[in-house]
C-alpha cells in the first residue's frame, strides 16, 4: 500500500513589517522589487503619515461641523428669547463655549446691539470692538459703526469720527450714512471744512436721498460760517 504523501505545511504568513513588505513586493517587476527593497521602510512610513493625516483631518472636519451646527442652534435659541437679560446671558454663553465658530462671531455683534439697547454702553462698545476684530466685510463695518454711535453718545467725538471715517473708507455699503454721520460729528468738533467735505461725499453717494435738502442746508450754513471766519481773520 503506497504511503500517502503528507502535505508539507505551508509557510505561515509573516506578520508586521515583513508581511507588509512582502505584500508590497508581490506581483512587482524585478526593477521595482529592487527599488522597494531598498526604500520600503521610508515609502511605507510616508504612506502611513499620509493616511494618518487624512484620518485626523476627517475627524477634525466632522468635529468642526458638529461644533458649528451646535453653535448655530444655540444662536437661534438665543434670538428667540424675548427677555433682554436672558438673551444677553445666552449670547455670552455661546461666545464663551463656541468661541471659534461663525455663530459666535455673529453673536458678538448681536450681543453688542442688545447691550446698547439695554443701556450698558461701556460693555456694548467693548462687544462692538470685539465683533469688529472677529468679523469681516459688511458685518465688521456695522460693528465699527456701532462703536461710532456709542462713542458719540458718550461725547467722545474724536473716536466717533474715526469710526465713521473708517466705515466710509471700507465701501461695504455703509459709506453714505457713514459720511452723513461724519459730517455731523466734524461739525460738532468745529472742523467746518471737514464737515463740508463729508456732507458733499454724502450728496455724491446718495443723490436720491430724502435728506438732500437738509444736507445742502447744512453745507450752506457751514460754508457761510467758514467765509465769516475768513473775513474776520483778514480784518485782524
Foldseek 3Di string as FASTA:
>chain_A
DDDDDDDDDDDDQDDDPVNVLVVVLPPDDPVVNVVCVVCVVVVVVVVVVVVVVVVVVVVVVVVLVVLQVVLVVLLVVLVPDPDLVSSLVSLVVSCVVSVPHPSNLLSLQVNLVSCVVVVVLVVSLVSLVVSLVVDDAPSNLVSLQSNLVSCVVVVVLVSNLVSLVVSLVSPRPCNLVSLVVNLVSCVVVVVLVSSLVSLVVNCVVCVPDPCVVVSVVSNVVSVVVVVVVVVVVVVD
